Amino acid sequence: MGLQGLRNVSRDAVEVSAKIRLSVAFHANTKDRNIPSHAIDAGQVWTISDPSAGDKITITAAAFAPLGLVVP
């Protein structure tokens, strides 16, 4: 189940990337999952699939403050 999604309400495309700090990770793996840059066209929604409860997601985009979320 994905989050509701991030909607671009502007008239221009927005280039975003995300970093997920995993709430549960195998000890030999990193706790961070980086999601590469993604363009969200005007009026479109971007959803990150399969987050786990407690994951901390930080979404960044040029000219915007970082958006921090915790998956309930």
Protein backbone atom coordinates (compact mmCIF):
# COMPACT_ATOMS: atom_id res chain seq x y z
CA MET A 1 0.00 0.00 0.00
CA GLY A 2 1.47 3.37 -1.00
CA LEU A 3 1.04 6.76 0.56
CA GLN A 4 -1.70 8.99 -0.81
CA GLY A 5 0.83 10.62 -3.10
CA LEU A 6 2.45 13.96 -3.74
CA ARG A 7 0.44 16.14 -6.12
CA ASN A 8 2.06 18.85 -8.20
CA VAL A 9 -0.40 21.76 -8.13
CA SER A 10 1.84 24.14 -10.08
CA ARG A 11 1.74 24.88 -13.82
CA ASP A 12 5.25 23.51 -14.33
CA ALA A 13 6.86 20.12 -13.84
CA VAL A 14 8.75 19.70 -10.55
CA GLU A 15 11.88 17.55 -10.23
CA VAL A 16 11.88 15.72 -6.88
CA SER A 17 13.93 13.06 -5.16
CA ALA A 18 13.34 11.18 -1.92
CA LYS A 19 15.33 9.54 0.82
CA ILE A 20 13.68 6.91 2.98
CA ARG A 21 15.13 6.11 6.40
CA LEU A 22 13.89 2.57 6.92
CA SER A 23 12.30 1.74 10.27
CA VAL A 24 13.38 -1.89 9.90
CA ALA A 25 16.46 -3.02 8.00
CA PHE A 26 18.71 -6.06 7.90
CA HIS A 27 21.82 -5.23 9.95
CA ALA A 28 24.18 -5.79 6.98
CA ASN A 29 22.27 -3.33 4.77
CA THR A 30 22.08 0.44 4.89
CA LYS A 31 19.07 1.97 6.61
CA ASP A 32 18.66 4.53 3.83
CA ARG A 33 16.87 3.97 0.53
CA ASN A 34 17.45 6.70 -2.03
CA ILE A 35 14.85 7.27 -4.72
CA PRO A 36 16.36 8.94 -7.78
CA SER A 37 15.17 12.20 -9.23
CA HIS A 38 11.68 12.05 -10.72
CA ALA A 39 9.72 14.68 -12.66
CA ILE A 40 6.14 15.26 -11.55
CA ASP A 41 4.25 16.94 -14.36
CA ALA A 42 1.73 19.68 -13.61
CA GLY A 43 -1.42 18.23 -12.04
CA GLN A 44 0.07 14.74 -11.65
CA VAL A 45 0.59 12.64 -8.53
CA TRP A 46 3.75 10.75 -7.52
CA THR A 47 3.45 7.85 -5.08
CA ILE A 48 6.22 5.95 -3.31
CA SER A 49 5.23 2.29 -3.22
CA ASP A 50 5.44 -0.06 -0.26
CA PRO A 51 6.58 2.12 2.62
CA SER A 52 6.62 0.44 6.03
CA ALA A 53 5.15 1.83 9.23
CA GLY A 54 7.68 4.11 10.90
CA ASP A 55 9.71 4.81 7.75
CA LYS A 56 10.86 8.45 7.60
CA ILE A 57 10.62 9.96 4.12
CA THR A 58 12.31 13.21 3.12
CA ILE A 59 11.31 14.67 -0.24
CA THR A 60 13.48 17.38 -1.77
CA ALA A 61 13.05 19.65 -4.78
CA ALA A 62 14.89 22.76 -5.93
CA ALA A 63 13.36 26.02 -4.64
CA PHE A 64 11.27 24.17 -2.01
CA ALA A 65 11.94 23.35 1.63
CA PRO A 66 12.45 19.62 2.28
CA LEU A 67 9.24 17.80 3.19
CA GLY A 68 9.60 15.25 5.99
CA LEU A 69 6.98 12.56 6.56
CA VAL A 70 6.67 9.54 8.84
CA VAL A 71 4.61 6.61 7.59
CA PRO A 72 1.86 5.84 10.13
